[in-house]
Amino acid sequence: MGEHPHVSRWVRFGVFELDLHAEELRKQGVRVRLAGQPFQVLATLLEHAGEVVTREELQKRLWPADTFVDFDHGLNKAINKLREA
């Protein structure tokens, strides 16, 4: 994940902690399996806390411009995995 000087390494919300450098999510200190696109979605939402993040913004963050995928299906799958975590 790219470095963001305005974002600290740890983001805490509720009983969760997200380590942006190690790309780890913890719930009450216990590591929760979350990697790849679901992690990127969560990191993006937390980086823009209190703001609306559009599906188009998430698409740009998750897939390079020259990638052809079923974006809606891929994003929905990533969101579902995030909800499971």
C-alpha atoms as a PDB file:
ATOM      1  CA  MET A   1       0.000   0.000   0.000  1.00  0.00           C
ATOM      2  CA  GLY A   2       1.323   3.465  -0.779  1.00  0.00           C
ATOM      3  CA  GLU A   3       2.574   5.774   1.912  1.00  0.00           C
ATOM      4  CA  HIS A   4       0.220   8.547   2.964  1.00  0.00           C
ATOM      5  CA  PRO A   5       1.982  11.182   5.083  1.00  0.00           C
ATOM      6  CA  HIS A   6      -1.301  12.502   6.504  1.00  0.00           C
ATOM      7  CA  VAL A   7      -2.420   9.061   7.691  1.00  0.00           C
ATOM      8  CA  SER A   8      -0.833   7.422  10.720  1.00  0.00           C
ATOM      9  CA  ARG A   9       0.262   3.802  10.690  1.00  0.00           C
ATOM     10  CA  TRP A  10      -2.599   2.703  12.990  1.00  0.00           C
ATOM     11  CA  VAL A  11      -6.250   3.563  12.543  1.00  0.00           C
ATOM     12  CA  ARG A  12      -8.485   2.676  15.472  1.00  0.00           C
ATOM     13  CA  PHE A  13     -12.269   2.447  15.239  1.00  0.00           C
ATOM     14  CA  GLY A  14     -14.529   0.725  17.734  1.00  0.00           C
ATOM     15  CA  VAL A  15     -12.924  -2.574  18.789  1.00  0.00           C
ATOM     16  CA  PHE A  16     -10.792  -2.650  15.618  1.00  0.00           C
ATOM     17  CA  GLU A  17      -7.272  -1.536  14.785  1.00  0.00           C
ATOM     18  CA  LEU A  18      -5.963  -1.354  11.240  1.00  0.00           C
ATOM     19  CA  ASP A  19      -2.205  -1.387  10.657  1.00  0.00           C
ATOM     20  CA  LEU A  20      -1.757   0.336   7.314  1.00  0.00           C
ATOM     21  CA  HIS A  21       1.928  -0.582   6.998  1.00  0.00           C
ATOM     22  CA  ALA A  22       1.592  -4.297   7.809  1.00  0.00           C
ATOM     23  CA  GLU A  23      -1.851  -4.449   6.155  1.00  0.00           C
ATOM     24  CA  GLU A  24      -3.385  -6.155   9.187  1.00  0.00           C
ATOM     25  CA  LEU A  25      -6.760  -5.801  10.854  1.00  0.00           C
ATOM     26  CA  ARG A  26      -7.164  -6.663  14.522  1.00  0.00           C
ATOM     27  CA  LYS A  27     -10.326  -7.000  16.578  1.00  0.00           C
ATOM     28  CA  GLN A  28      -9.707  -6.608  20.308  1.00  0.00           C
ATOM     29  CA  GLY A  29      -6.065  -7.463  19.636  1.00  0.00           C
ATOM     30  CA  VAL A  30      -6.805 -10.632  17.648  1.00  0.00           C
ATOM     31  CA  ARG A  31      -5.762 -10.639  13.997  1.00  0.00           C
ATOM     32  CA  VAL A  32      -8.658 -10.856  11.556  1.00  0.00           C
ATOM     33  CA  ARG A  33      -7.954 -12.319   8.135  1.00  0.00           C
ATOM     34  CA  LEU A  34      -8.420  -9.535   5.624  1.00  0.00           C
ATOM     35  CA  ALA A  35      -6.170  -9.015   2.641  1.00  0.00           C
ATOM     36  CA  GLY A  36      -6.099  -7.668  -0.871  1.00  0.00           C
ATOM     37  CA  GLN A  37      -9.059  -5.752  -2.174  1.00  0.00           C
ATOM     38  CA  PRO A  38     -11.205  -5.926   0.987  1.00  0.00           C
ATOM     39  CA  PHE A  39      -8.279  -4.439   2.938  1.00  0.00           C
ATOM     40  CA  GLN A  40      -7.873  -1.702   0.325  1.00  0.00           C
ATOM     41  CA  VAL A  41     -11.586  -0.870   0.498  1.00  0.00           C
ATOM     42  CA  LEU A  42     -11.439  -0.566   4.293  1.00  0.00           C
ATOM     43  CA  ALA A  43      -8.255   1.521   4.189  1.00  0.00           C
ATOM     44  CA  THR A  44      -9.801   3.849   1.611  1.00  0.00           C
ATOM     45  CA  LEU A  45     -12.986   4.293   3.642  1.00  0.00           C
ATOM     46  CA  LEU A  46     -10.989   5.013   6.800  1.00  0.00           C
ATOM     47  CA  GLU A  47      -8.684   7.456   5.010  1.00  0.00           C
ATOM     48  CA  HIS A  48     -11.805   9.376   3.980  1.00  0.00           C
ATOM     49  CA  ALA A  49     -13.749   8.996   7.230  1.00  0.00           C
ATOM     50  CA  GLY A  50     -16.791  11.230   7.319  1.00  0.00           C
ATOM     51  CA  GLU A  51     -16.711  11.686   3.535  1.00  0.00           C
ATOM     52  CA  VAL A  52     -18.626  10.015   0.741  1.00  0.00           C
ATOM     53  CA  VAL A  53     -16.430   7.609  -1.226  1.00  0.00           C
ATOM     54  CA  THR A  54     -17.912   6.796  -4.613  1.00  0.00           C
ATOM     55  CA  ARG A  55     -17.774   3.451  -6.350  1.00  0.00           C
ATOM     56  CA  GLU A  56     -15.728   5.152  -9.062  1.00  0.00           C
ATOM     57  CA  GLU A  57     -13.135   6.257  -6.499  1.00  0.00           C
ATOM     58  CA  LEU A  58     -12.923   2.718  -5.168  1.00  0.00           C
ATOM     59  CA  GLN A  59     -12.591   1.384  -8.706  1.00  0.00           C
ATOM     60  CA  LYS A  60      -9.629   3.699  -9.359  1.00  0.00           C
ATOM     61  CA  ARG A  61      -8.001   2.599  -6.105  1.00  0.00           C
ATOM     62  CA  LEU A  62      -8.505  -1.144  -6.646  1.00  0.00           C
ATOM     63  CA  TRP A  63      -7.923  -1.580 -10.372  1.00  0.00           C
ATOM     64  CA  PRO A  64      -5.509   0.113 -12.794  1.00  0.00           C
ATOM     65  CA  ALA A  65      -7.157   2.126 -15.577  1.00  0.00           C
ATOM     66  CA  ASP A  66      -6.304  -0.461 -18.239  1.00  0.00           C
ATOM     67  CA  THR A  67      -7.845  -3.378 -16.307  1.00  0.00           C
ATOM     68  CA  PHE A  68     -11.049  -4.863 -17.670  1.00  0.00           C
ATOM     69  CA  VAL A  69     -13.037  -6.629 -14.947  1.00  0.00           C
ATOM     70  CA  ASP A  70     -16.631  -6.894 -13.828  1.00  0.00           C
ATOM     71  CA  PHE A  71     -16.073  -4.019 -11.437  1.00  0.00           C
ATOM     72  CA  ASP A  72     -19.476  -4.193  -9.747  1.00  0.00           C
ATOM     73  CA  HIS A  73     -19.102  -7.905  -9.006  1.00  0.00           C
ATOM     74  CA  GLY A  74     -15.515  -7.473  -7.787  1.00  0.00           C
ATOM     75  CA  LEU A  75     -16.362  -4.558  -5.520  1.00  0.00           C
ATOM     76  CA  ASN A  76     -19.450  -6.303  -4.139  1.00  0.00           C
ATOM     77  CA  LYS A  77     -17.338  -9.373  -3.373  1.00  0.00           C
ATOM     78  CA  ALA A  78     -14.709  -7.240  -1.617  1.00  0.00           C
ATOM     79  CA  ILE A  79     -17.390  -5.472   0.453  1.00  0.00           C
ATOM     80  CA  ASN A  80     -18.951  -8.819   1.442  1.00  0.00           C
ATOM     81  CA  LYS A  81     -15.573 -10.131   2.614  1.00  0.00           C
ATOM     82  CA  LEU A  82     -15.073  -6.932   4.582  1.00  0.00           C
ATOM     83  CA  ARG A  83     -18.479  -7.364   6.233  1.00  0.00           C
ATOM     84  CA  GLU A  84     -17.639 -10.970   7.130  1.00  0.00           C
ATOM     85  CA  ALA A  85     -14.451  -9.823   8.840  1.00  0.00           C
END
